Amino acid sequence: MPITRFEELDLSKSYTYADYLAWQFSEMVELIKGKVVKMSPAPGSQHQMVSSNLHGIIWNQIKKSPCKLFAAPSDVRLIRKGFNDEQITTVVQPDLFMVCDASKIDEKGCLGSPDFIIEILSPNSGNQDLKVKYALYEEAGVGEYWVVFPAERVIEIFLLENGKYHLAGHYTEDGDIPIQSVPGFSIKGLEVFEW
């Protein structure tokens, strides 16, 4: 019998992507190594404006490249064991992500690690994005990870080197922000935080 209410989930159990696909409730959730994590309520207007700005700026730059840009909600299935739905235990919905390998894109979203992920902090998502997802994306081999702080108008960029993230830069609205995943491309901080 399908689960139709979030409250019916046993949060002590581990689940797979196959389970996730069968759920019929309205709450937005992610799976982190088999554990269900309820997502924050709908993001605020600052978050959404920053997301729109970043999406427009980056998409305009990459639209003629093989890379594709996606915005939440779109599933990213991070692979640890195998490729079938019963073996996948991590499904996240980053605010924005870019994939340059077309074989990773299917109708369900992305299967494997994106090249570049952006998470925009909401008041309740800080711990999730700065600790849990940081470690998850590092382990999955996501090459570039941005954490955006809309209220502070700051972006922290982490790059993967030898399997570990290092802080590559702390950027404000006052300068240019390089995107390592798109060589030779940078964006103006002021344009990101325009609202």
N, C-alpha and C. Protein backbone atom coordinates (compact mmCIF):
# COMPACT_ATOMS: atom_id res chain seq x y z
N MET A 1 0.85 -1.18 0.00
CA MET A 1 0.00 0.00 0.00
C MET A 1 0.90 1.26 0.00
N PRO A 2 0.66 2.19 -0.91
CA PRO A 2 1.53 3.37 -0.99
C PRO A 2 1.35 4.29 0.22
N ILE A 3 2.44 4.98 0.56
CA ILE A 3 2.40 5.93 1.66
C ILE A 3 1.86 7.24 1.12
N THR A 4 0.77 7.72 1.73
CA THR A 4 0.12 8.93 1.23
C THR A 4 0.29 10.14 2.16
N ARG A 5 0.84 9.90 3.36
CA ARG A 5 1.06 11.01 4.30
C ARG A 5 2.47 10.90 4.86
N PHE A 6 3.14 12.02 4.98
CA PHE A 6 4.50 12.04 5.51
C PHE A 6 4.55 11.37 6.89
N GLU A 7 3.52 11.58 7.68
CA GLU A 7 3.48 11.04 9.05
C GLU A 7 3.49 9.51 9.06
N GLU A 8 3.17 8.88 7.94
CA GLU A 8 3.18 7.41 7.87
C GLU A 8 4.59 6.83 7.75
N LEU A 9 5.57 7.69 7.41
CA LEU A 9 6.94 7.20 7.26
C LEU A 9 7.53 6.83 8.61
N ASP A 10 8.28 5.77 8.64
CA ASP A 10 9.05 5.40 9.83
C ASP A 10 10.43 6.03 9.64
N LEU A 11 10.69 7.15 10.32
CA LEU A 11 11.92 7.90 10.10
C LEU A 11 13.16 7.18 10.65
N SER A 12 12.96 6.09 11.37
CA SER A 12 14.11 5.32 11.84
C SER A 12 14.58 4.32 10.78
N LYS A 13 13.77 4.10 9.75
CA LYS A 13 14.12 3.16 8.68
C LYS A 13 14.99 3.82 7.63
N SER A 14 15.64 2.99 6.83
CA SER A 14 16.37 3.47 5.67
C SER A 14 15.53 3.19 4.42
N TYR A 15 15.57 4.13 3.49
CA TYR A 15 14.76 4.03 2.28
C TYR A 15 15.64 4.15 1.04
N THR A 16 15.06 3.81 -0.10
CA THR A 16 15.76 3.90 -1.38
C THR A 16 14.99 4.84 -2.30
N TYR A 17 15.60 5.09 -3.46
CA TYR A 17 14.94 5.92 -4.46
C TYR A 17 13.64 5.27 -4.95
N ALA A 18 13.59 3.95 -4.99
CA ALA A 18 12.35 3.25 -5.38
C ALA A 18 11.23 3.58 -4.40
N ASP A 19 11.54 3.61 -3.11
CA ASP A 19 10.55 4.00 -2.10
C ASP A 19 10.10 5.44 -2.34
N TYR A 20 11.09 6.31 -2.52
CA TYR A 20 10.86 7.75 -2.73
C TYR A 20 9.89 7.98 -3.89
N LEU A 21 10.07 7.24 -4.98
CA LEU A 21 9.19 7.38 -6.14
C LEU A 21 7.76 6.93 -5.86
N ALA A 22 7.58 6.03 -4.90
CA ALA A 22 6.25 5.49 -4.60
C ALA A 22 5.45 6.37 -3.64
N TRP A 23 6.12 7.27 -2.91
CA TRP A 23 5.42 8.09 -1.94
C TRP A 23 4.45 9.04 -2.64
N GLN A 24 3.30 9.23 -2.00
CA GLN A 24 2.25 10.06 -2.60
C GLN A 24 1.81 11.17 -1.65
N PHE A 25 2.75 11.80 -1.00
CA PHE A 25 2.39 12.93 -0.13
C PHE A 25 2.97 14.21 -0.71
N SER A 26 2.50 15.34 -0.22
CA SER A 26 2.86 16.63 -0.82
C SER A 26 4.15 17.23 -0.25
N GLU A 27 4.60 16.81 0.92
CA GLU A 27 5.81 17.37 1.51
C GLU A 27 7.02 17.08 0.64
N MET A 28 7.93 18.04 0.57
CA MET A 28 9.18 17.87 -0.18
C MET A 28 10.20 17.25 0.76
N VAL A 29 10.84 16.17 0.30
CA VAL A 29 11.85 15.49 1.11
C VAL A 29 13.07 15.18 0.26
N GLU A 30 14.17 14.93 0.94
CA GLU A 30 15.38 14.42 0.31
C GLU A 30 15.76 13.15 1.04
N LEU A 31 16.55 12.31 0.39
CA LEU A 31 17.10 11.12 1.02
C LEU A 31 18.59 11.33 1.18
N ILE A 32 19.08 11.20 2.39
CA ILE A 32 20.51 11.32 2.66
C ILE A 32 20.98 9.98 3.21
N LYS A 33 21.63 9.21 2.35
CA LYS A 33 22.12 7.88 2.74
C LYS A 33 21.01 7.03 3.36
N GLY A 34 19.85 7.08 2.72
CA GLY A 34 18.72 6.27 3.13
C GLY A 34 17.79 6.90 4.15
N LYS A 35 18.20 7.98 4.76
CA LYS A 35 17.37 8.65 5.78
C LYS A 35 16.58 9.79 5.16
N VAL A 36 15.31 9.90 5.57
CA VAL A 36 14.42 10.94 5.04
C VAL A 36 14.69 12.25 5.76
N VAL A 37 14.87 13.31 4.97
CA VAL A 37 15.07 14.65 5.52
C VAL A 37 13.99 15.54 4.91
N LYS A 38 13.15 16.10 5.76
CA LYS A 38 12.10 16.99 5.30
C LYS A 38 12.73 18.33 4.92
N MET A 39 12.38 18.83 3.77
CA MET A 39 12.95 20.09 3.31
C MET A 39 12.24 21.26 3.99
N SER A 40 12.94 22.40 4.02
CA SER A 40 12.38 23.61 4.61
C SER A 40 11.13 24.03 3.86
N PRO A 41 10.30 24.85 4.50
CA PRO A 41 9.14 25.40 3.77
C PRO A 41 9.62 26.19 2.55
N ALA A 42 8.69 26.59 1.73
CA ALA A 42 9.03 27.33 0.51
C ALA A 42 9.99 28.48 0.84
N PRO A 43 11.03 28.66 0.01
CA PRO A 43 12.01 29.71 0.28
C PRO A 43 11.41 31.11 0.18
N GLY A 44 12.07 32.05 0.86
CA GLY A 44 11.62 33.44 0.86
C GLY A 44 11.99 34.16 -0.43
N SER A 45 11.56 35.39 -0.53
CA SER A 45 11.74 36.14 -1.77
C SER A 45 13.21 36.44 -2.07
N GLN A 46 14.03 36.75 -1.05
CA GLN A 46 15.46 36.99 -1.31
C GLN A 46 16.10 35.76 -1.93
N HIS A 47 15.82 34.61 -1.33
CA HIS A 47 16.35 33.34 -1.84
C HIS A 47 15.97 33.16 -3.30
N GLN A 48 14.70 33.35 -3.61
CA GLN A 48 14.21 33.12 -4.97
C GLN A 48 14.78 34.12 -5.97
N MET A 49 14.97 35.37 -5.55
CA MET A 49 15.56 36.36 -6.46
C MET A 49 17.01 36.02 -6.76
N VAL A 50 17.76 35.61 -5.73
CA VAL A 50 19.15 35.21 -5.95
C VAL A 50 19.20 33.99 -6.87
N SER A 51 18.31 33.03 -6.64
CA SER A 51 18.26 31.84 -7.49
C SER A 51 17.97 32.22 -8.94
N SER A 52 16.98 33.08 -9.14
CA SER A 52 16.63 33.53 -10.50
C SER A 52 17.80 34.25 -11.15
N ASN A 53 18.43 35.14 -10.39
CA ASN A 53 19.57 35.89 -10.94
C ASN A 53 20.68 34.95 -11.37
N LEU A 54 21.07 34.04 -10.48
CA LEU A 54 22.14 33.09 -10.79
C LEU A 54 21.77 32.22 -11.99
N HIS A 55 20.56 31.73 -12.00
CA HIS A 55 20.13 30.88 -13.11
C HIS A 55 20.23 31.63 -14.43
N GLY A 56 19.71 32.85 -14.47
CA GLY A 56 19.75 33.63 -15.71
C GLY A 56 21.15 33.94 -16.18
N ILE A 57 22.00 34.37 -15.26
CA ILE A 57 23.38 34.74 -15.61
C ILE A 57 24.15 33.52 -16.12
N ILE A 58 24.08 32.41 -15.37
CA ILE A 58 24.85 31.22 -15.75
C ILE A 58 24.28 30.59 -17.02
N TRP A 59 22.96 30.46 -17.11
CA TRP A 59 22.36 29.85 -18.30
C TRP A 59 22.74 30.63 -19.55
N ASN A 60 22.71 31.95 -19.46
CA ASN A 60 23.04 32.77 -20.62
C ASN A 60 24.48 32.50 -21.11
N GLN A 61 25.36 32.19 -20.18
CA GLN A 61 26.75 31.94 -20.53
C GLN A 61 26.98 30.54 -21.10
N ILE A 62 26.22 29.55 -20.62
CA ILE A 62 26.49 28.16 -21.02
C ILE A 62 25.52 27.61 -22.06
N LYS A 63 24.54 28.38 -22.48
CA LYS A 63 23.46 27.83 -23.32
C LYS A 63 23.94 27.20 -24.61
N LYS A 64 25.10 27.61 -25.12
CA LYS A 64 25.61 27.00 -26.36
C LYS A 64 26.68 25.94 -26.08
N SER A 65 26.88 25.61 -24.82
CA SER A 65 27.87 24.60 -24.45
C SER A 65 27.16 23.27 -24.23
N PRO A 66 27.90 22.19 -24.02
CA PRO A 66 27.26 20.91 -23.72
C PRO A 66 26.70 20.86 -22.30
N CYS A 67 27.04 21.81 -21.47
CA CYS A 67 26.58 21.83 -20.08
C CYS A 67 25.12 22.27 -20.00
N LYS A 68 24.40 21.70 -19.03
CA LYS A 68 22.99 22.05 -18.81
C LYS A 68 22.82 22.48 -17.36
N LEU A 69 21.97 23.48 -17.16
CA LEU A 69 21.72 24.04 -15.83
C LEU A 69 20.30 23.70 -15.40
N PHE A 70 20.15 23.25 -14.16
CA PHE A 70 18.85 22.87 -13.62
C PHE A 70 18.59 23.60 -12.31
N ALA A 71 17.30 23.81 -12.02
CA ALA A 71 16.89 24.46 -10.78
C ALA A 71 15.94 23.54 -10.02
N ALA A 72 15.91 23.71 -8.70
CA ALA A 72 15.00 22.92 -7.87
C ALA A 72 13.56 23.27 -8.23
N PRO A 73 12.66 22.30 -8.10
CA PRO A 73 12.92 20.93 -7.69
C PRO A 73 13.31 20.04 -8.88
N SER A 74 14.46 19.44 -8.76
CA SER A 74 14.94 18.47 -9.74
C SER A 74 15.84 17.50 -8.99
N ASP A 75 15.57 16.21 -9.14
CA ASP A 75 16.30 15.21 -8.36
C ASP A 75 17.71 14.97 -8.87
N VAL A 76 18.64 14.93 -7.93
CA VAL A 76 20.01 14.50 -8.18
C VAL A 76 20.19 13.22 -7.38
N ARG A 77 20.40 12.10 -8.11
CA ARG A 77 20.59 10.81 -7.47
C ARG A 77 22.09 10.56 -7.38
N LEU A 78 22.63 10.68 -6.19
CA LEU A 78 24.06 10.47 -5.99
C LEU A 78 24.30 8.98 -5.80
N ILE A 79 25.18 8.42 -6.60
CA ILE A 79 25.37 6.97 -6.67
C ILE A 79 26.49 6.53 -5.73
N ARG A 80 26.22 5.48 -4.97
CA ARG A 80 27.26 4.87 -4.14
C ARG A 80 27.47 3.41 -4.54
N LYS A 81 26.35 2.70 -4.76
CA LYS A 81 26.46 1.27 -5.06
C LYS A 81 26.17 0.97 -6.52
N GLY A 82 24.95 1.22 -6.95
CA GLY A 82 24.55 0.84 -8.30
C GLY A 82 23.64 1.87 -8.91
N PHE A 83 23.17 1.54 -10.08
CA PHE A 83 22.39 2.49 -10.84
C PHE A 83 20.88 2.28 -10.76
N ASN A 84 20.43 1.17 -10.16
CA ASN A 84 18.98 0.98 -10.16
C ASN A 84 18.34 1.63 -8.93
N ASP A 85 17.04 1.87 -9.04
CA ASP A 85 16.32 2.65 -8.03
C ASP A 85 16.37 2.01 -6.65
N GLU A 86 16.47 0.69 -6.58
CA GLU A 86 16.51 -0.01 -5.29
C GLU A 86 17.88 0.12 -4.61
N GLN A 87 18.91 0.52 -5.34
CA GLN A 87 20.25 0.65 -4.76
C GLN A 87 20.61 2.10 -4.42
N ILE A 88 19.88 3.06 -4.96
CA ILE A 88 20.19 4.47 -4.73
C ILE A 88 19.55 4.91 -3.42
N THR A 89 20.37 5.44 -2.51
CA THR A 89 19.88 5.84 -1.19
C THR A 89 20.04 7.34 -0.92
N THR A 90 20.54 8.08 -1.90
CA THR A 90 20.70 9.53 -1.71
C THR A 90 20.09 10.26 -2.90
N VAL A 91 19.10 11.10 -2.60
CA VAL A 91 18.43 11.92 -3.60
C VAL A 91 18.30 13.32 -3.00
N VAL A 92 18.93 14.29 -3.65
CA VAL A 92 18.89 15.67 -3.16
C VAL A 92 18.31 16.58 -4.24
N GLN A 93 17.90 17.76 -3.83
CA GLN A 93 17.37 18.75 -4.75
C GLN A 93 18.09 20.07 -4.51
N PRO A 94 19.30 20.21 -5.07
CA PRO A 94 20.02 21.47 -4.89
C PRO A 94 19.24 22.63 -5.52
N ASP A 95 19.52 23.83 -5.04
CA ASP A 95 18.85 25.00 -5.62
C ASP A 95 19.18 25.12 -7.10
N LEU A 96 20.45 24.96 -7.46
CA LEU A 96 20.89 24.97 -8.85
C LEU A 96 22.00 23.95 -9.01
N PHE A 97 22.06 23.32 -10.18
CA PHE A 97 23.19 22.44 -10.46
C PHE A 97 23.43 22.39 -11.95
N MET A 98 24.70 22.15 -12.31
CA MET A 98 25.10 22.09 -13.71
C MET A 98 25.73 20.74 -13.98
N VAL A 99 25.35 20.16 -15.14
CA VAL A 99 25.87 18.87 -15.56
C VAL A 99 26.41 19.03 -16.98
N CYS A 100 27.66 18.61 -17.18
CA CYS A 100 28.28 18.73 -18.50
C CYS A 100 28.38 17.40 -19.23
N ASP A 101 28.05 16.32 -18.58
CA ASP A 101 28.07 14.98 -19.18
C ASP A 101 26.62 14.57 -19.45
N ALA A 102 26.21 14.63 -20.71
CA ALA A 102 24.82 14.37 -21.09
C ALA A 102 24.34 12.99 -20.68
N SER A 103 25.24 12.02 -20.52
CA SER A 103 24.82 10.67 -20.14
C SER A 103 24.27 10.62 -18.71
N LYS A 104 24.51 11.65 -17.92
CA LYS A 104 24.00 11.70 -16.54
C LYS A 104 22.57 12.23 -16.45
N ILE A 105 22.04 12.77 -17.55
CA ILE A 105 20.71 13.39 -17.56
C ILE A 105 19.68 12.40 -18.10
N ASP A 106 18.59 12.24 -17.36
CA ASP A 106 17.46 11.46 -17.84
C ASP A 106 16.17 12.16 -17.42
N GLU A 107 15.04 11.55 -17.68
CA GLU A 107 13.76 12.19 -17.38
C GLU A 107 13.53 12.39 -15.88
N LYS A 108 14.24 11.64 -15.05
CA LYS A 108 14.08 11.77 -13.60
C LYS A 108 14.99 12.84 -13.03
N GLY A 109 15.93 13.36 -13.80
CA GLY A 109 16.87 14.37 -13.31
C GLY A 109 18.30 14.00 -13.64
N CYS A 110 19.14 13.96 -12.61
CA CYS A 110 20.56 13.68 -12.79
C CYS A 110 20.92 12.39 -12.06
N LEU A 111 21.59 11.49 -12.74
CA LEU A 111 22.07 10.25 -12.15
C LEU A 111 23.59 10.32 -12.08
N GLY A 112 24.09 10.61 -10.89
CA GLY A 112 25.52 10.81 -10.71
C GLY A 112 25.79 12.22 -10.19
N SER A 113 27.05 12.56 -10.08
CA SER A 113 27.43 13.85 -9.50
C SER A 113 27.43 14.96 -10.54
N PRO A 114 26.73 16.06 -10.26
CA PRO A 114 26.84 17.23 -11.12
C PRO A 114 28.26 17.80 -11.06
N ASP A 115 28.60 18.62 -12.04
CA ASP A 115 29.90 19.29 -12.04
C ASP A 115 29.95 20.43 -11.04
N PHE A 116 28.78 21.03 -10.79
CA PHE A 116 28.70 22.29 -10.04
C PHE A 116 27.35 22.33 -9.34
N ILE A 117 27.36 22.62 -8.04
CA ILE A 117 26.12 22.74 -7.27
C ILE A 117 26.13 24.06 -6.52
N ILE A 118 24.95 24.70 -6.49
CA ILE A 118 24.76 25.92 -5.71
C ILE A 118 23.62 25.67 -4.72
N GLU A 119 23.89 25.92 -3.46
CA GLU A 119 22.85 25.91 -2.42
C GLU A 119 22.74 27.33 -1.89
N ILE A 120 21.52 27.84 -1.83
CA ILE A 120 21.24 29.18 -1.32
C ILE A 120 20.62 29.01 0.05
N LEU A 121 21.26 29.58 1.06
CA LEU A 121 20.79 29.37 2.42
C LEU A 121 19.46 30.05 2.68
N SER A 122 18.60 29.32 3.37
CA SER A 122 17.37 29.86 3.93
C SER A 122 17.58 29.86 5.44
N PRO A 123 16.75 30.58 6.19
CA PRO A 123 16.96 30.63 7.64
C PRO A 123 17.09 29.26 8.31
N ASN A 124 16.39 28.25 7.79
CA ASN A 124 16.41 26.93 8.44
C ASN A 124 17.31 25.91 7.75
N SER A 125 18.04 26.30 6.70
CA SER A 125 18.81 25.30 5.94
C SER A 125 20.31 25.35 6.20
N GLY A 126 20.77 26.24 7.05
CA GLY A 126 22.21 26.43 7.26
C GLY A 126 22.96 25.18 7.63
N ASN A 127 22.50 24.48 8.65
CA ASN A 127 23.20 23.27 9.10
C ASN A 127 23.21 22.22 8.00
N GLN A 128 22.08 22.07 7.32
CA GLN A 128 21.97 21.08 6.26
C GLN A 128 22.95 21.38 5.13
N ASP A 129 23.00 22.64 4.68
CA ASP A 129 23.83 22.99 3.53
C ASP A 129 25.31 23.12 3.88
N LEU A 130 25.61 23.60 5.08
CA LEU A 130 27.00 23.84 5.46
C LEU A 130 27.70 22.61 6.02
N LYS A 131 26.97 21.66 6.53
CA LYS A 131 27.60 20.48 7.11
C LYS A 131 27.22 19.21 6.36
N VAL A 132 25.94 18.87 6.38
CA VAL A 132 25.50 17.59 5.81
C VAL A 132 25.75 17.54 4.30
N LYS A 133 25.26 18.54 3.58
CA LYS A 133 25.42 18.51 2.12
C LYS A 133 26.86 18.78 1.72
N TYR A 134 27.56 19.58 2.45
CA TYR A 134 28.99 19.81 2.19
C TYR A 134 29.71 18.46 2.17
N ALA A 135 29.51 17.66 3.22
CA ALA A 135 30.17 16.35 3.31
C ALA A 135 29.67 15.40 2.23
N LEU A 136 28.38 15.45 1.95
CA LEU A 136 27.79 14.58 0.95
C LEU A 136 28.33 14.90 -0.45
N TYR A 137 28.38 16.18 -0.81
CA TYR A 137 28.87 16.57 -2.12
C TYR A 137 30.36 16.31 -2.26
N GLU A 138 31.09 16.50 -1.18
CA GLU A 138 32.53 16.20 -1.18
C GLU A 138 32.75 14.72 -1.45
N GLU A 139 32.03 13.87 -0.73
CA GLU A 139 32.16 12.42 -0.89
C GLU A 139 31.74 11.97 -2.29
N ALA A 140 30.72 12.63 -2.85
CA ALA A 140 30.21 12.25 -4.17
C ALA A 140 31.09 12.75 -5.32
N GLY A 141 32.03 13.64 -5.02
CA GLY A 141 32.94 14.13 -6.05
C GLY A 141 32.42 15.31 -6.87
N VAL A 142 31.54 16.12 -6.28
CA VAL A 142 31.07 17.32 -6.95
C VAL A 142 32.23 18.32 -6.97
N GLY A 143 32.68 18.71 -8.15
CA GLY A 143 33.91 19.50 -8.29
C GLY A 143 33.85 20.91 -7.76
N GLU A 144 32.68 21.53 -7.81
CA GLU A 144 32.55 22.92 -7.37
C GLU A 144 31.24 23.08 -6.61
N TYR A 145 31.32 23.65 -5.42
CA TYR A 145 30.15 23.81 -4.55
C TYR A 145 30.11 25.24 -4.04
N TRP A 146 29.01 25.93 -4.34
CA TRP A 146 28.81 27.29 -3.85
C TRP A 146 27.76 27.29 -2.75
N VAL A 147 28.04 28.03 -1.68
CA VAL A 147 27.05 28.29 -0.64
C VAL A 147 26.80 29.79 -0.66
N VAL A 148 25.55 30.16 -0.90
CA VAL A 148 25.17 31.56 -1.02
C VAL A 148 24.42 32.00 0.24
N PHE A 149 24.85 33.12 0.80
CA PHE A 149 24.24 33.71 1.98
C PHE A 149 23.51 34.98 1.53
N PRO A 150 22.21 34.91 1.18
CA PRO A 150 21.52 36.09 0.64
C PRO A 150 21.50 37.29 1.59
N ALA A 151 21.22 37.06 2.86
CA ALA A 151 21.12 38.19 3.80
C ALA A 151 22.44 38.92 3.95
N GLU A 152 23.54 38.17 3.93
CA GLU A 152 24.87 38.77 4.08
C GLU A 152 25.46 39.20 2.74
N ARG A 153 24.82 38.77 1.64
CA ARG A 153 25.27 39.07 0.28
C ARG A 153 26.69 38.55 0.05
N VAL A 154 26.86 37.27 0.40
CA VAL A 154 28.17 36.62 0.33
C VAL A 154 28.01 35.26 -0.36
N ILE A 155 29.05 34.87 -1.09
CA ILE A 155 29.13 33.53 -1.68
C ILE A 155 30.46 32.91 -1.27
N GLU A 156 30.39 31.69 -0.73
CA GLU A 156 31.60 30.93 -0.44
C GLU A 156 31.71 29.83 -1.48
N ILE A 157 32.90 29.71 -2.08
CA ILE A 157 33.13 28.72 -3.13
C ILE A 157 34.12 27.69 -2.64
N PHE A 158 33.71 26.42 -2.79
CA PHE A 158 34.56 25.30 -2.41
C PHE A 158 34.89 24.49 -3.66
N LEU A 159 36.16 24.16 -3.81
CA LEU A 159 36.61 23.34 -4.94
C LEU A 159 37.18 22.04 -4.41
N LEU A 160 36.94 20.97 -5.16
CA LEU A 160 37.40 19.64 -4.76
C LEU A 160 38.81 19.41 -5.28
N GLU A 161 39.72 19.09 -4.38
CA GLU A 161 41.09 18.74 -4.74
C GLU A 161 41.51 17.52 -3.94
N ASN A 162 41.93 16.47 -4.62
CA ASN A 162 42.32 15.22 -3.97
C ASN A 162 41.23 14.70 -3.03
N GLY A 163 39.98 14.80 -3.49
CA GLY A 163 38.86 14.25 -2.72
C GLY A 163 38.38 15.09 -1.56
N LYS A 164 38.95 16.28 -1.35
CA LYS A 164 38.55 17.14 -0.23
C LYS A 164 38.26 18.55 -0.73
N TYR A 165 37.27 19.17 -0.11
CA TYR A 165 36.97 20.56 -0.44
C TYR A 165 37.94 21.50 0.24
N HIS A 166 38.29 22.56 -0.45
CA HIS A 166 39.00 23.67 0.18
C HIS A 166 38.27 24.95 -0.22
N LEU A 167 38.30 25.92 0.68
CA LEU A 167 37.65 27.19 0.42
C LEU A 167 38.48 27.94 -0.61
N ALA A 168 37.90 28.12 -1.80
CA ALA A 168 38.61 28.79 -2.89
C ALA A 168 38.35 30.29 -2.90
N GLY A 169 37.33 30.72 -2.19
CA GLY A 169 37.06 32.15 -2.16
C GLY A 169 35.82 32.50 -1.37
N HIS A 170 35.86 33.70 -0.84
CA HIS A 170 34.76 34.28 -0.07
C HIS A 170 34.44 35.59 -0.79
N TYR A 171 33.31 35.63 -1.51
CA TYR A 171 33.02 36.74 -2.40
C TYR A 171 31.81 37.54 -1.93
N THR A 172 31.87 38.84 -2.18
CA THR A 172 30.77 39.73 -1.85
C THR A 172 30.22 40.31 -3.15
N GLU A 173 29.28 41.20 -3.00
CA GLU A 173 28.68 41.83 -4.18
C GLU A 173 29.61 42.83 -4.85
N ASP A 174 30.76 43.10 -4.26
CA ASP A 174 31.65 44.15 -4.77
C ASP A 174 32.58 43.74 -5.90
N GLY A 175 32.66 42.44 -6.19
CA GLY A 175 33.64 42.04 -7.20
C GLY A 175 33.12 41.02 -8.17
N ASP A 176 34.05 40.48 -8.95
CA ASP A 176 33.73 39.42 -9.89
C ASP A 176 33.92 38.06 -9.21
N ILE A 177 33.05 37.12 -9.56
CA ILE A 177 33.08 35.80 -8.96
C ILE A 177 33.35 34.79 -10.06
N PRO A 178 34.51 34.10 -10.02
CA PRO A 178 34.83 33.13 -11.08
C PRO A 178 34.06 31.83 -10.90
N ILE A 179 33.66 31.26 -12.03
CA ILE A 179 33.05 29.92 -12.02
C ILE A 179 34.09 28.98 -12.61
N GLN A 180 34.66 28.14 -11.78
CA GLN A 180 35.73 27.24 -12.21
C GLN A 180 35.23 26.21 -13.23
N SER A 181 33.96 25.83 -13.12
CA SER A 181 33.41 24.82 -14.02
C SER A 181 33.23 25.34 -15.45
N VAL A 182 33.27 26.64 -15.61
CA VAL A 182 33.15 27.27 -16.93
C VAL A 182 34.39 28.15 -17.11
N PRO A 183 35.48 27.59 -17.63
CA PRO A 183 36.74 28.34 -17.72
C PRO A 183 36.58 29.69 -18.41
N GLY A 184 37.21 30.70 -17.80
CA GLY A 184 37.20 32.04 -18.36
C GLY A 184 35.93 32.80 -18.09
N PHE A 185 35.04 32.27 -17.28
CA PHE A 185 33.75 32.91 -17.03
C PHE A 185 33.66 33.36 -15.58
N SER A 186 33.21 34.58 -15.38
CA SER A 186 32.94 35.07 -14.04
C SER A 186 31.66 35.90 -14.08
N ILE A 187 31.07 36.07 -12.92
CA ILE A 187 29.85 36.88 -12.83
C ILE A 187 30.07 38.00 -11.86
N LYS A 188 29.32 39.05 -12.00
CA LYS A 188 29.43 40.21 -11.11
C LYS A 188 28.58 39.98 -9.87
N GLY A 189 29.21 40.10 -8.72
CA GLY A 189 28.48 39.89 -7.47
C GLY A 189 27.26 40.76 -7.35
N LEU A 190 27.35 41.98 -7.83
CA LEU A 190 26.23 42.90 -7.74
C LEU A 190 25.00 42.37 -8.47
N GLU A 191 25.21 41.69 -9.59
CA GLU A 191 24.10 41.14 -10.36
C GLU A 191 23.43 39.97 -9.63
N VAL A 192 24.20 39.23 -8.84
CA VAL A 192 23.65 38.10 -8.09
C VAL A 192 22.69 38.61 -7.03
N PHE A 193 23.05 39.69 -6.35
CA PHE A 193 22.27 40.17 -5.22
C PHE A 193 21.38 41.35 -5.56
N GLU A 194 21.02 41.48 -6.82
CA GLU A 194 20.14 42.55 -7.27
C GLU A 194 18.70 42.21 -6.93
N TRP A 195 18.05 43.06 -6.14
CA TRP A 195 16.62 42.88 -5.90
C TRP A 195 15.96 44.16 -5.52
